[in-house]
Each structure stands twice: as structure tokens, then as C-alpha cells.
C-alpha atoms as a PDB file:
ATOM      1  CA  UNK A   1       0.000   0.000   0.000  1.00  0.00           C
ATOM      2  CA  UNK A   2       2.791   2.395   0.763  1.00  0.00           C
ATOM      3  CA  UNK A   3       4.254   1.749  -2.682  1.00  0.00           C
ATOM      4  CA  UNK A   4       0.949   2.647  -4.347  1.00  0.00           C
ATOM      5  CA  UNK A   5       0.722   5.975  -2.506  1.00  0.00           C
ATOM      6  CA  UNK A   6       4.338   6.720  -3.366  1.00  0.00           C
ATOM      7  CA  UNK A   7       3.533   6.652  -7.085  1.00  0.00           C
ATOM      8  CA  UNK A   8       0.027   8.079  -6.848  1.00  0.00           C
ATOM      9  CA  UNK A   9       0.990  11.379  -5.182  1.00  0.00           C
ATOM     10  CA  UNK A  10       3.550  12.498  -7.815  1.00  0.00           C
ATOM     11  CA  UNK A  11       1.151  11.424 -10.565  1.00  0.00           C
ATOM     12  CA  UNK A  12      -1.674  13.475  -9.062  1.00  0.00           C
ATOM     13  CA  UNK A  13       0.549  16.543  -8.753  1.00  0.00           C
ATOM     14  CA  UNK A  14       1.544  16.147 -12.400  1.00  0.00           C
ATOM     15  CA  UNK A  15      -2.090  15.962 -13.544  1.00  0.00           C
ATOM     16  CA  UNK A  16      -3.005  19.061 -11.535  1.00  0.00           C
ATOM     17  CA  UNK A  17      -0.023  20.952 -12.966  1.00  0.00           C
ATOM     18  CA  UNK A  18      -1.031  19.962 -16.514  1.00  0.00           C
ATOM     19  CA  UNK A  19      -4.599  21.116 -15.877  1.00  0.00           C
ATOM     20  CA  UNK A  20      -3.366  24.496 -14.623  1.00  0.00           C
ATOM     21  CA  UNK A  21      -1.124  24.897 -17.693  1.00  0.00           C
ATOM     22  CA  UNK A  22      -3.965  24.040 -20.084  1.00  0.00           C
ATOM     23  CA  UNK A  23      -6.379  26.406 -18.301  1.00  0.00           C
ATOM     24  CA  UNK A  24      -3.861  29.260 -18.323  1.00  0.00           C
ATOM     25  CA  UNK A  25      -3.085  28.718 -22.010  1.00  0.00           C
ATOM     26  CA  UNK A  26      -6.769  28.699 -22.945  1.00  0.00           C
ATOM     27  CA  UNK A  27      -7.432  31.825 -20.880  1.00  0.00           C
ATOM     28  CA  UNK A  28      -4.456  33.621 -22.433  1.00  0.00           C
ATOM     29  CA  UNK A  29      -5.677  32.703 -25.915  1.00  0.00           C
ATOM     30  CA  UNK A  30      -9.156  34.073 -25.144  1.00  0.00           C
ATOM     31  CA  UNK A  31      -7.632  37.313 -23.852  1.00  0.00           C
ATOM     32  CA  UNK A  32      -5.531  37.753 -26.992  1.00  0.00           C
ATOM     33  CA  UNK A  33      -8.628  37.139 -29.092  1.00  0.00           C
ATOM     34  CA  UNK A  34     -10.517  39.756 -27.090  1.00  0.00           C
ATOM     35  CA  UNK A  35      -7.968  42.523 -27.725  1.00  0.00           C
ATOM     36  CA  UNK A  36      -7.761  41.532 -31.412  1.00  0.00           C
ATOM     37  CA  UNK A  37     -11.556  41.799 -31.740  1.00  0.00           C
ATOM     38  CA  UNK A  38     -11.602  45.216 -30.036  1.00  0.00           C
ATOM     39  CA  UNK A  39      -8.891  46.441 -32.393  1.00  0.00           C
ATOM     40  CA  UNK A  40     -10.706  45.095 -35.469  1.00  0.00           C
ATOM     41  CA  UNK A  41     -14.055  46.631 -34.515  1.00  0.00           C
ATOM     42  CA  UNK A  42     -12.482  50.034 -33.876  1.00  0.00           C
ATOM     43  CA  UNK A  43     -10.744  49.894 -37.253  1.00  0.00           C
ATOM     44  CA  UNK A  44     -14.051  49.000 -38.911  1.00  0.00           C
ATOM     45  CA  UNK A  45     -15.499  52.151 -37.351  1.00  0.00           C
ATOM     46  CA  UNK A  46     -12.599  54.224 -38.753  1.00  0.00           C
ATOM     47  CA  UNK A  47     -11.011  54.834 -35.360  1.00  0.00           C
ATOM     48  CA  UNK A  48      -7.231  55.314 -35.895  1.00  0.00           C
ATOM     49  CA  UNK A  49      -5.961  52.506 -33.643  1.00  0.00           C
ATOM     50  CA  UNK A  50      -2.252  52.265 -32.863  1.00  0.00           C
ATOM     51  CA  UNK A  51      -2.586  49.078 -30.857  1.00  0.00           C
ATOM     52  CA  UNK A  52      -4.695  47.170 -28.361  1.00  0.00           C
ATOM     53  CA  UNK A  53      -2.772  44.897 -26.032  1.00  0.00           C
ATOM     54  CA  UNK A  54      -2.936  42.859 -22.828  1.00  0.00           C
ATOM     55  CA  UNK A  55      -1.171  44.609 -19.945  1.00  0.00           C
ATOM     56  CA  UNK A  56      -1.958  42.047 -17.251  1.00  0.00           C
ATOM     57  CA  UNK A  57      -3.552  38.605 -17.455  1.00  0.00           C
ATOM     58  CA  UNK A  58      -4.550  38.330 -13.771  1.00  0.00           C
ATOM     59  CA  UNK A  59      -6.371  40.590 -13.283  1.00  0.00           C
ATOM     60  CA  UNK A  60      -7.226  41.079 -16.967  1.00  0.00           C
ATOM     61  CA  UNK A  61      -6.095  44.627 -17.814  1.00  0.00           C
ATOM     62  CA  UNK A  62      -5.771  45.979 -21.354  1.00  0.00           C
ATOM     63  CA  UNK A  63      -4.455  49.097 -23.071  1.00  0.00           C
ATOM     64  CA  UNK A  64      -6.034  50.859 -26.061  1.00  0.00           C
ATOM     65  CA  UNK A  65      -3.862  53.336 -27.965  1.00  0.00           C
ATOM     66  CA  UNK A  66      -5.392  55.575 -30.630  1.00  0.00           C
ATOM     67  CA  UNK A  67      -3.962  58.369 -32.751  1.00  0.00           C
ATOM     68  CA  UNK A  68      -5.322  61.902 -32.614  1.00  0.00           C
ATOM     69  CA  UNK A  69      -5.318  64.246 -35.600  1.00  0.00           C
ATOM     70  CA  UNK A  70      -3.686  66.797 -33.305  1.00  0.00           C
ATOM     71  CA  UNK A  71      -0.164  67.961 -34.090  1.00  0.00           C
ATOM     72  CA  UNK A  72       0.327  69.485 -30.627  1.00  0.00           C
ATOM     73  CA  UNK A  73      -0.802  68.692 -27.053  1.00  0.00           C
ATOM     74  CA  UNK A  74      -4.456  69.720 -27.598  1.00  0.00           C
ATOM     75  CA  UNK A  75      -7.255  67.283 -28.362  1.00  0.00           C
ATOM     76  CA  UNK A  76      -9.264  67.708 -31.562  1.00  0.00           C
ATOM     77  CA  UNK A  77     -13.009  67.514 -32.149  1.00  0.00           C
ATOM     78  CA  UNK A  78     -12.798  64.041 -33.709  1.00  0.00           C
ATOM     79  CA  UNK A  79     -11.181  62.750 -30.496  1.00  0.00           C
ATOM     80  CA  UNK A  80     -14.568  63.026 -28.766  1.00  0.00           C
ATOM     81  CA  UNK A  81     -16.200  60.442 -31.028  1.00  0.00           C
ATOM     82  CA  UNK A  82     -13.142  58.175 -31.200  1.00  0.00           C
ATOM     83  CA  UNK A  83     -12.683  58.192 -27.439  1.00  0.00           C
ATOM     84  CA  UNK A  84     -16.314  57.305 -26.758  1.00  0.00           C
ATOM     85  CA  UNK A  85     -16.148  54.436 -29.273  1.00  0.00           C
ATOM     86  CA  UNK A  86     -12.971  53.069 -27.662  1.00  0.00           C
ATOM     87  CA  UNK A  87     -14.586  53.219 -24.212  1.00  0.00           C
ATOM     88  CA  UNK A  88     -17.659  51.540 -25.638  1.00  0.00           C
ATOM     89  CA  UNK A  89     -15.830  48.604 -27.221  1.00  0.00           C
ATOM     90  CA  UNK A  90     -14.024  47.820 -23.962  1.00  0.00           C
ATOM     91  CA  UNK A  91     -17.268  48.004 -21.965  1.00  0.00           C
ATOM     92  CA  UNK A  92     -19.140  45.810 -24.464  1.00  0.00           C
ATOM     93  CA  UNK A  93     -16.350  43.229 -24.413  1.00  0.00           C
ATOM     94  CA  UNK A  94     -16.641  43.092 -20.627  1.00  0.00           C
ATOM     95  CA  UNK A  95     -20.404  42.814 -20.927  1.00  0.00           C
ATOM     96  CA  UNK A  96     -20.041  39.773 -23.168  1.00  0.00           C
ATOM     97  CA  UNK A  97     -18.227  37.959 -20.361  1.00  0.00           C
ATOM     98  CA  UNK A  98     -14.575  38.753 -21.100  1.00  0.00           C
ATOM     99  CA  UNK A  99     -14.113  39.839 -17.450  1.00  0.00           C
ATOM    100  CA  UNK A 100     -11.933  42.863 -18.164  1.00  0.00           C
ATOM    101  CA  UNK A 101     -10.789  44.348 -14.873  1.00  0.00           C
ATOM    102  CA  UNK A 102      -9.622  47.669 -16.330  1.00  0.00           C
ATOM    103  CA  UNK A 103      -8.512  49.370 -19.519  1.00  0.00           C
ATOM    104  CA  UNK A 104      -6.213  52.316 -20.127  1.00  0.00           C
ATOM    105  CA  UNK A 105      -7.067  54.545 -23.076  1.00  0.00           C
ATOM    106  CA  UNK A 106      -4.148  56.556 -24.477  1.00  0.00           C
ATOM    107  CA  UNK A 107      -4.269  59.247 -27.168  1.00  0.00           C
ATOM    108  CA  UNK A 108      -1.139  60.106 -29.149  1.00  0.00           C
ATOM    109  CA  UNK A 109      -0.727  63.086 -31.462  1.00  0.00           C
ATOM    110  CA  UNK A 110       0.659  62.901 -34.993  1.00  0.00           C
ATOM    111  CA  UNK A 111       4.194  63.233 -33.550  1.00  0.00           C
ATOM    112  CA  UNK A 112       3.732  60.136 -31.394  1.00  0.00           C
ATOM    113  CA  UNK A 113       3.507  62.138 -28.154  1.00  0.00           C
ATOM    114  CA  UNK A 114       1.082  61.024 -25.437  1.00  0.00           C
ATOM    115  CA  UNK A 115      -1.451  63.842 -25.006  1.00  0.00           C
ATOM    116  CA  UNK A 116      -4.171  62.179 -22.926  1.00  0.00           C
ATOM    117  CA  UNK A 117      -4.537  59.053 -20.815  1.00  0.00           C
ATOM    118  CA  UNK A 118      -7.359  57.685 -18.689  1.00  0.00           C
ATOM    119  CA  UNK A 119      -7.869  54.431 -16.805  1.00  0.00           C
ATOM    120  CA  UNK A 120     -11.305  52.906 -16.312  1.00  0.00           C
ATOM    121  CA  UNK A 121     -12.236  49.975 -14.072  1.00  0.00           C
ATOM    122  CA  UNK A 122     -15.090  47.749 -15.215  1.00  0.00           C
ATOM    123  CA  UNK A 123     -17.512  45.746 -13.133  1.00  0.00           C
ATOM    124  CA  UNK A 124     -20.675  43.901 -14.199  1.00  0.00           C
ATOM    125  CA  UNK A 125     -22.311  45.011 -10.947  1.00  0.00           C
ATOM    126  CA  UNK A 126     -22.344  48.657 -12.093  1.00  0.00           C
ATOM    127  CA  UNK A 127     -25.813  49.310 -13.524  1.00  0.00           C
ATOM    128  CA  UNK A 128     -24.577  51.564 -16.327  1.00  0.00           C
ATOM    129  CA  UNK A 129     -22.317  48.747 -17.530  1.00  0.00           C
ATOM    130  CA  UNK A 130     -24.789  45.882 -17.091  1.00  0.00           C
ATOM    131  CA  UNK A 131     -25.994  44.058 -20.179  1.00  0.00           C
ATOM    132  CA  UNK A 132     -29.556  43.929 -21.467  1.00  0.00           C
ATOM    133  CA  UNK A 133     -31.537  41.737 -23.821  1.00  0.00           C
ATOM    134  CA  UNK A 134     -32.020  42.302 -27.543  1.00  0.00           C
ATOM    135  CA  UNK A 135     -34.218  45.351 -28.137  1.00  0.00           C
ATOM    136  CA  UNK A 136     -37.106  44.893 -30.564  1.00  0.00           C
ATOM    137  CA  UNK A 137     -37.468  48.162 -32.472  1.00  0.00           C
ATOM    138  CA  UNK A 138     -40.981  49.175 -33.504  1.00  0.00           C
ATOM    139  CA  UNK A 139     -40.410  52.678 -34.863  1.00  0.00           C
ATOM    140  CA  UNK A 140     -38.798  53.339 -38.222  1.00  0.00           C
ATOM    141  CA  UNK A 141     -36.086  55.988 -38.576  1.00  0.00           C
ATOM    142  CA  UNK A 142     -38.388  58.627 -40.143  1.00  0.00           C
ATOM    143  CA  UNK A 143     -40.976  58.345 -37.356  1.00  0.00           C
ATOM    144  CA  UNK A 144     -38.210  58.512 -34.730  1.00  0.00           C
ATOM    145  CA  UNK A 145     -36.736  61.634 -36.339  1.00  0.00           C
ATOM    146  CA  UNK A 146     -40.126  63.378 -36.390  1.00  0.00           C
ATOM    147  CA  UNK A 147     -40.768  62.576 -32.731  1.00  0.00           C
ATOM    148  CA  UNK A 148     -37.365  63.978 -31.744  1.00  0.00           C
ATOM    149  CA  UNK A 149     -38.034  67.179 -33.723  1.00  0.00           C
ATOM    150  CA  UNK A 150     -41.253  67.684 -31.790  1.00  0.00           C
ATOM    151  CA  UNK A 151     -39.421  67.569 -28.464  1.00  0.00           C
ATOM    152  CA  UNK A 152     -36.706  70.117 -29.277  1.00  0.00           C
ATOM    153  CA  UNK A 153     -36.939  73.880 -28.777  1.00  0.00           C
ATOM    154  CA  UNK A 154     -35.126  75.206 -31.846  1.00  0.00           C
ATOM    155  CA  UNK A 155     -35.982  78.882 -31.348  1.00  0.00           C
ATOM    156  CA  UNK A 156     -33.249  80.851 -33.151  1.00  0.00           C
ATOM    157  CA  UNK A 157     -31.590  77.684 -34.464  1.00  0.00           C
ATOM    158  CA  UNK A 158     -31.798  75.653 -37.674  1.00  0.00           C
ATOM    159  CA  UNK A 159     -31.848  71.862 -37.616  1.00  0.00           C
ATOM    160  CA  UNK A 160     -29.419  71.071 -40.434  1.00  0.00           C
ATOM    161  CA  UNK A 161     -29.040  67.309 -39.943  1.00  0.00           C
ATOM    162  CA  UNK A 162     -30.982  64.669 -38.029  1.00  0.00           C
ATOM    163  CA  UNK A 163     -30.146  61.032 -38.754  1.00  0.00           C
ATOM    164  CA  UNK A 164     -31.084  57.789 -37.030  1.00  0.00           C
ATOM    165  CA  UNK A 165     -28.915  54.848 -38.100  1.00  0.00           C
ATOM    166  CA  UNK A 166     -28.184  51.352 -36.839  1.00  0.00           C
ATOM    167  CA  UNK A 167     -25.012  51.035 -34.809  1.00  0.00           C
ATOM    168  CA  UNK A 168     -22.134  49.229 -36.474  1.00  0.00           C
ATOM    169  CA  UNK A 169     -20.553  46.294 -34.702  1.00  0.00           C
ATOM    170  CA  UNK A 170     -21.920  44.160 -31.885  1.00  0.00           C
ATOM    171  CA  UNK A 171     -24.717  45.697 -29.845  1.00  0.00           C
ATOM    172  CA  UNK A 172     -28.251  44.982 -28.670  1.00  0.00           C
ATOM    173  CA  UNK A 173     -29.927  46.445 -31.745  1.00  0.00           C
ATOM    174  CA  UNK A 174     -28.518  49.864 -30.919  1.00  0.00           C
ATOM    175  CA  UNK A 175     -29.273  53.056 -32.816  1.00  0.00           C
ATOM    176  CA  UNK A 176     -27.165  56.174 -33.357  1.00  0.00           C
ATOM    177  CA  UNK A 177     -28.615  59.686 -33.248  1.00  0.00           C
ATOM    178  CA  UNK A 178     -26.602  62.266 -35.218  1.00  0.00           C
ATOM    179  CA  UNK A 179     -27.682  65.885 -35.117  1.00  0.00           C
ATOM    180  CA  UNK A 180     -26.268  69.147 -36.480  1.00  0.00           C
ATOM    181  CA  UNK A 181     -27.833  72.426 -35.401  1.00  0.00           C
ATOM    182  CA  UNK A 182     -26.788  75.757 -36.938  1.00  0.00           C
ATOM    183  CA  UNK A 183     -26.865  79.264 -35.495  1.00  0.00           C
ATOM    184  CA  UNK A 184     -26.011  82.490 -37.335  1.00  0.00           C
ATOM    185  CA  UNK A 185     -23.172  83.246 -34.913  1.00  0.00           C
ATOM    186  CA  UNK A 186     -21.836  82.625 -31.407  1.00  0.00           C
ATOM    187  CA  UNK A 187     -23.977  85.324 -29.790  1.00  0.00           C
ATOM    188  CA  UNK A 188     -27.174  83.951 -31.331  1.00  0.00           C
ATOM    189  CA  UNK A 189     -26.248  80.443 -30.224  1.00  0.00           C
ATOM    190  CA  UNK A 190     -25.699  81.617 -26.652  1.00  0.00           C
ATOM    191  CA  UNK A 191     -29.156  83.218 -26.597  1.00  0.00           C
ATOM    192  CA  UNK A 192     -30.752  79.985 -27.844  1.00  0.00           C
ATOM    193  CA  UNK A 193     -28.912  77.539 -25.575  1.00  0.00           C
ATOM    194  CA  UNK A 194     -30.973  78.107 -22.370  1.00  0.00           C
ATOM    195  CA  UNK A 195     -34.024  76.930 -24.345  1.00  0.00           C
ATOM    196  CA  UNK A 196     -32.443  74.327 -26.609  1.00  0.00           C
ATOM    197  CA  UNK A 197     -30.072  72.385 -24.343  1.00  0.00           C
ATOM    198  CA  UNK A 198     -32.618  71.427 -21.631  1.00  0.00           C
ATOM    199  CA  UNK A 199     -34.991  69.990 -24.260  1.00  0.00           C
ATOM    200  CA  UNK A 200     -32.134  68.193 -26.022  1.00  0.00           C
ATOM    201  CA  UNK A 201     -30.783  66.636 -22.817  1.00  0.00           C
ATOM    202  CA  UNK A 202     -34.262  65.643 -21.651  1.00  0.00           C
ATOM    203  CA  UNK A 203     -34.923  64.013 -25.012  1.00  0.00           C
ATOM    204  CA  UNK A 204     -31.816  61.819 -25.115  1.00  0.00           C
ATOM    205  CA  UNK A 205     -32.254  60.721 -21.495  1.00  0.00           C
ATOM    206  CA  UNK A 206     -35.951  59.835 -21.694  1.00  0.00           C
ATOM    207  CA  UNK A 207     -36.666  58.983 -25.341  1.00  0.00           C
ATOM    208  CA  UNK A 208     -35.987  55.236 -25.109  1.00  0.00           C
ATOM    209  CA  UNK A 209     -38.262  54.959 -22.066  1.00  0.00           C
ATOM    210  CA  UNK A 210     -41.101  56.751 -23.826  1.00  0.00           C
ATOM    211  CA  UNK A 211     -40.770  55.020 -27.212  1.00  0.00           C
ATOM    212  CA  UNK A 212     -39.834  51.568 -28.590  1.00  0.00           C
ATOM    213  CA  UNK A 213     -36.357  52.715 -29.631  1.00  0.00           C
ATOM    214  CA  UNK A 214     -32.825  51.873 -28.539  1.00  0.00           C
ATOM    215  CA  UNK A 215     -30.701  54.984 -29.075  1.00  0.00           C
ATOM    216  CA  UNK A 216     -27.335  54.102 -27.549  1.00  0.00           C
ATOM    217  CA  UNK A 217     -25.099  56.810 -29.060  1.00  0.00           C
ATOM    218  CA  UNK A 218     -25.820  60.501 -29.537  1.00  0.00           C
ATOM    219  CA  UNK A 219     -23.625  62.927 -31.454  1.00  0.00           C
ATOM    220  CA  UNK A 220     -24.600  66.614 -31.448  1.00  0.00           C
ATOM    221  CA  UNK A 221     -22.782  69.437 -33.215  1.00  0.00           C
ATOM    222  CA  UNK A 222     -23.736  73.091 -32.977  1.00  0.00           C
ATOM    223  CA  UNK A 223     -22.120  75.232 -35.671  1.00  0.00           C
ATOM    224  CA  UNK A 224     -22.260  78.838 -36.823  1.00  0.00           C
ATOM    225  CA  UNK A 225     -23.149  79.932 -40.361  1.00  0.00           C
ATOM    226  CA  UNK A 226     -19.474  79.708 -41.330  1.00  0.00           C
ATOM    227  CA  UNK A 227     -19.279  76.033 -40.390  1.00  0.00           C
ATOM    228  CA  UNK A 228     -17.228  76.635 -37.232  1.00  0.00           C
ATOM    229  CA  UNK A 229     -18.032  74.099 -34.520  1.00  0.00           C
ATOM    230  CA  UNK A 230     -19.279  75.794 -31.359  1.00  0.00           C
ATOM    231  CA  UNK A 231     -20.107  72.546 -29.532  1.00  0.00           C
ATOM    232  CA  UNK A 232     -19.291  68.912 -30.281  1.00  0.00           C
ATOM    233  CA  UNK A 233     -21.041  66.601 -27.822  1.00  0.00           C
ATOM    234  CA  UNK A 234     -21.010  62.775 -27.746  1.00  0.00           C
ATOM    235  CA  UNK A 235     -22.963  60.651 -25.278  1.00  0.00           C
ATOM    236  CA  UNK A 236     -23.027  56.864 -24.856  1.00  0.00           C
ATOM    237  CA  UNK A 237     -26.318  56.151 -23.131  1.00  0.00           C
ATOM    238  CA  UNK A 238     -25.449  52.512 -22.345  1.00  0.00           C
ATOM    239  CA  UNK A 239     -22.117  52.916 -20.603  1.00  0.00           C
ATOM    240  CA  UNK A 240     -22.927  56.334 -19.134  1.00  0.00           C
ATOM    241  CA  UNK A 241     -20.133  58.418 -20.641  1.00  0.00           C
ATOM    242  CA  UNK A 242     -20.118  61.846 -22.278  1.00  0.00           C
ATOM    243  CA  UNK A 243     -17.358  63.845 -23.911  1.00  0.00           C
ATOM    244  CA  UNK A 244     -17.525  67.259 -25.475  1.00  0.00           C
ATOM    245  CA  UNK A 245     -15.542  70.169 -26.847  1.00  0.00           C
ATOM    246  CA  UNK A 246     -16.816  73.728 -27.114  1.00  0.00           C
ATOM    247  CA  UNK A 247     -15.554  77.016 -28.466  1.00  0.00           C
ATOM    248  CA  UNK A 248     -14.295  79.751 -26.154  1.00  0.00           C
ATOM    249  CA  UNK A 249     -17.148  82.031 -25.145  1.00  0.00           C
ATOM    250  CA  UNK A 250     -19.833  79.430 -25.782  1.00  0.00           C
ATOM    251  CA  UNK A 251     -22.683  79.114 -23.263  1.00  0.00           C
ATOM    252  CA  UNK A 252     -21.563  76.998 -20.285  1.00  0.00           C
ATOM    253  CA  UNK A 253     -24.560  76.770 -17.975  1.00  0.00           C
ATOM    254  CA  UNK A 254     -25.749  73.521 -19.555  1.00  0.00           C
ATOM    255  CA  UNK A 255     -23.128  71.542 -17.587  1.00  0.00           C
ATOM    256  CA  UNK A 256     -21.694  71.794 -14.039  1.00  0.00           C
ATOM    257  CA  UNK A 257     -18.680  74.095 -13.836  1.00  0.00           C
ATOM    258  CA  UNK A 258     -16.901  76.237 -11.210  1.00  0.00           C
ATOM    259  CA  UNK A 259     -18.423  79.624 -10.368  1.00  0.00           C
ATOM    260  CA  UNK A 260     -16.975  82.544 -12.311  1.00  0.00           C
ATOM    261  CA  UNK A 261     -14.889  83.845  -9.413  1.00  0.00           C
ATOM    262  CA  UNK A 262     -12.840  80.636  -9.049  1.00  0.00           C
ATOM    263  CA  UNK A 263     -12.300  79.872 -12.729  1.00  0.00           C
ATOM    264  CA  UNK A 264      -8.778  79.879 -14.054  1.00  0.00           C
ATOM    265  CA  UNK A 265      -7.661  83.305 -15.271  1.00  0.00           C
ATOM    266  CA  UNK A 266      -5.430  81.841 -17.959  1.00  0.00           C
ATOM    267  CA  UNK A 267      -6.228  82.649 -21.579  1.00  0.00           C
ATOM    268  CA  UNK A 268      -8.539  79.925 -22.975  1.00  0.00           C
ATOM    269  CA  UNK A 269      -7.565  78.013 -26.087  1.00  0.00           C
ATOM    270  CA  UNK A 270      -9.817  78.348 -29.176  1.00  0.00           C
ATOM    271  CA  UNK A 271     -11.396  74.994 -28.344  1.00  0.00           C
ATOM    272  CA  UNK A 272     -11.951  73.876 -24.764  1.00  0.00           C
ATOM    273  CA  UNK A 273     -12.251  70.089 -24.383  1.00  0.00           C
ATOM    274  CA  UNK A 274     -14.125  68.659 -21.457  1.00  0.00           C
ATOM    275  CA  UNK A 275     -11.723  67.688 -18.680  1.00  0.00           C
ATOM    276  CA  UNK A 276     -13.635  64.579 -17.647  1.00  0.00           C
ATOM    277  CA  UNK A 277     -16.326  62.260 -18.882  1.00  0.00           C
ATOM    278  CA  UNK A 278     -19.678  62.268 -17.173  1.00  0.00           C
ATOM    279  CA  UNK A 279     -20.508  59.807 -14.437  1.00  0.00           C
ATOM    280  CA  UNK A 280     -23.180  57.106 -14.871  1.00  0.00           C
ATOM    281  CA  UNK A 281     -26.755  58.224 -14.266  1.00  0.00           C
ATOM    282  CA  UNK A 282     -28.078  58.305 -10.733  1.00  0.00           C
ATOM    283  CA  UNK A 283     -31.258  56.606  -9.474  1.00  0.00           C
ATOM    284  CA  UNK A 284     -33.552  59.213 -11.001  1.00  0.00           C
ATOM    285  CA  UNK A 285     -32.143  58.554 -14.461  1.00  0.00           C
ATOM    286  CA  UNK A 286     -29.955  61.664 -14.581  1.00  0.00           C
ATOM    287  CA  UNK A 287     -26.414  62.312 -13.363  1.00  0.00           C
ATOM    288  CA  UNK A 288     -26.248  64.166 -10.041  1.00  0.00           C
ATOM    289  CA  UNK A 289     -26.477  67.964 -10.232  1.00  0.00           C
ATOM    290  CA  UNK A 290     -24.261  69.858  -7.747  1.00  0.00           C
ATOM    291  CA  UNK A 291     -26.458  72.969  -7.455  1.00  0.00           C
ATOM    292  CA  UNK A 292     -30.238  73.524  -7.534  1.00  0.00           C
ATOM    293  CA  UNK A 293     -31.310  73.935 -11.137  1.00  0.00           C
ATOM    294  CA  UNK A 294     -34.031  72.890 -13.566  1.00  0.00           C
ATOM    295  CA  UNK A 295     -31.540  72.023 -16.270  1.00  0.00           C
ATOM    296  CA  UNK A 296     -30.541  68.484 -17.180  1.00  0.00           C
ATOM    297  CA  UNK A 297     -26.831  67.864 -17.330  1.00  0.00           C
ATOM    298  CA  UNK A 298     -24.781  65.276 -19.204  1.00  0.00           C
END
């Protein structure tokens, strides 16, 4: 009997070791496939990807590097859309069971210099990141566009573009809302914003609840008559992130910001990118507002 145990114990250890090796290899292969799929989907959506790679296997951390059109240290307008899409692909991969612990999103300018970096931790317990079933859409794009028009206060503004399209890539039947609104000039836009922005924000936050639609991405641009972008705003309704850039002097009371007396006195750049993405919505369906107000913030 002693002889049997003598041979059985080393054999059992060997089998356990082989099982661990096979499990680790399979897990590593799945992780490499995950980053390859994220990279491919971003490329299909015309996001200029430098690379997507595994940083750590346990916990599973990844890095997404994309190239900005910027030639200096400032972000460009297109970075808003590209950044939201990169955040989205990582969150969707986690939602599909890839168990991503965190991802780091880096932006490099055309000279190869790092100009922005953010790290995001993912958890399936967070409601804004939790998955949902396939959405059955009952409204066609034209009907959806007309309903959105009815909810907006466009006094002093011209609705130049309003498109509803199906989202590219893997999603739960998601739709994309693209809107361009034009104002004669900056001053006219500022007069219209107190009426327009509350109705726009209310629409994108409540539209899916009120109608059989599944708008997951919203892209708004406000321009002047010369085509200059006064506001570029992107919101991912599923993962709870917003990013925007606005021109110097553009109306600011549509989002939380420091009171005038404690703002930086430095000269603003022509385009002021948002310094942080919005937090996931609170219990009432809207992100928390720091001061009493009737406005709805991103």
C-alpha cells in the first residue's frame, strides 16, 4: 500500500499541474482574441488605432492606444467620437463575459507624443455597464426623427441634420442619433442655448423609455453659419459616458462648472475640451447635479 501511494501522489501533482497549464493557455488565448476583436471593430469604425494589447492577465487589464489628428498637445473635435467608441468597445467586451478588470485609453498626437490618458475599471455590478436583452425596435427611422423634432426647442436655431442609423458592430440592436444644429453666430447660439439644451438633454435621457427605440449613441454638433463648430457633444447612453468640446465664449450653464470667481484666469484656447467624462446616471435617471437647477446635465 505504501508503494501505491508513493507513485500516486507524484502522478496526481503532475495531472493538476497539466490542468493548470492548459487552463492558463486557454485563458491567455481568449484574452488575446478579445484585444484583437476590439482592435478590429475600432478599425471598422474608422477609429485610428495604434494598438490594443494585454497589460496584465490576472487581473485582466488591457491598453487601447489611438492616434489623434492633433499635431500638438491639444485634443481635436474628432477625439470626442473616437474616445467614446474606444470606451464603448471595452465596456461591451466586458459585458459579453470577457471579465476585463480595467482598460487604459491613451491618445497620441501625430508626432507620437502622449497627449491624454485615462484608466477605467469595469464591473458587471455597475448598472450603467450591465448588459440587457435584444431590443425589438418598432419605430422606423423617419418616425423617430419626427418625434425627436417635436421635443426640441429650436428657437433661433436651424436643424441642419438629423439622422437615425443602426449602430455598427456588436450591440443589442442599438441606434445612433446624429444631429447638427446651426446658429447664425456665437452670440445667437448663446441666446438659444438656455431653451435648446434642456430639451435636447431631456430628449436623449428619456426617449428610449417613452418610445420603442434603442438609441445608444448621440452625437450633437452646434455650428455657426461659417461652419465653425461651437459645440461637439457625444454621449453613450449605455455605458454612461459623455465627452464634449466647445468654443471659447460658448454658453456653459448647460453643464456643471466652477463659479466665475474661481475659474482659471489663464487665456482659454480656441477649443476647450471637457476635462472629464460624465458619471453614470443616478437613481432618477440623470447624473447628479451639484447645485439647484431645472436644467438636465450630461
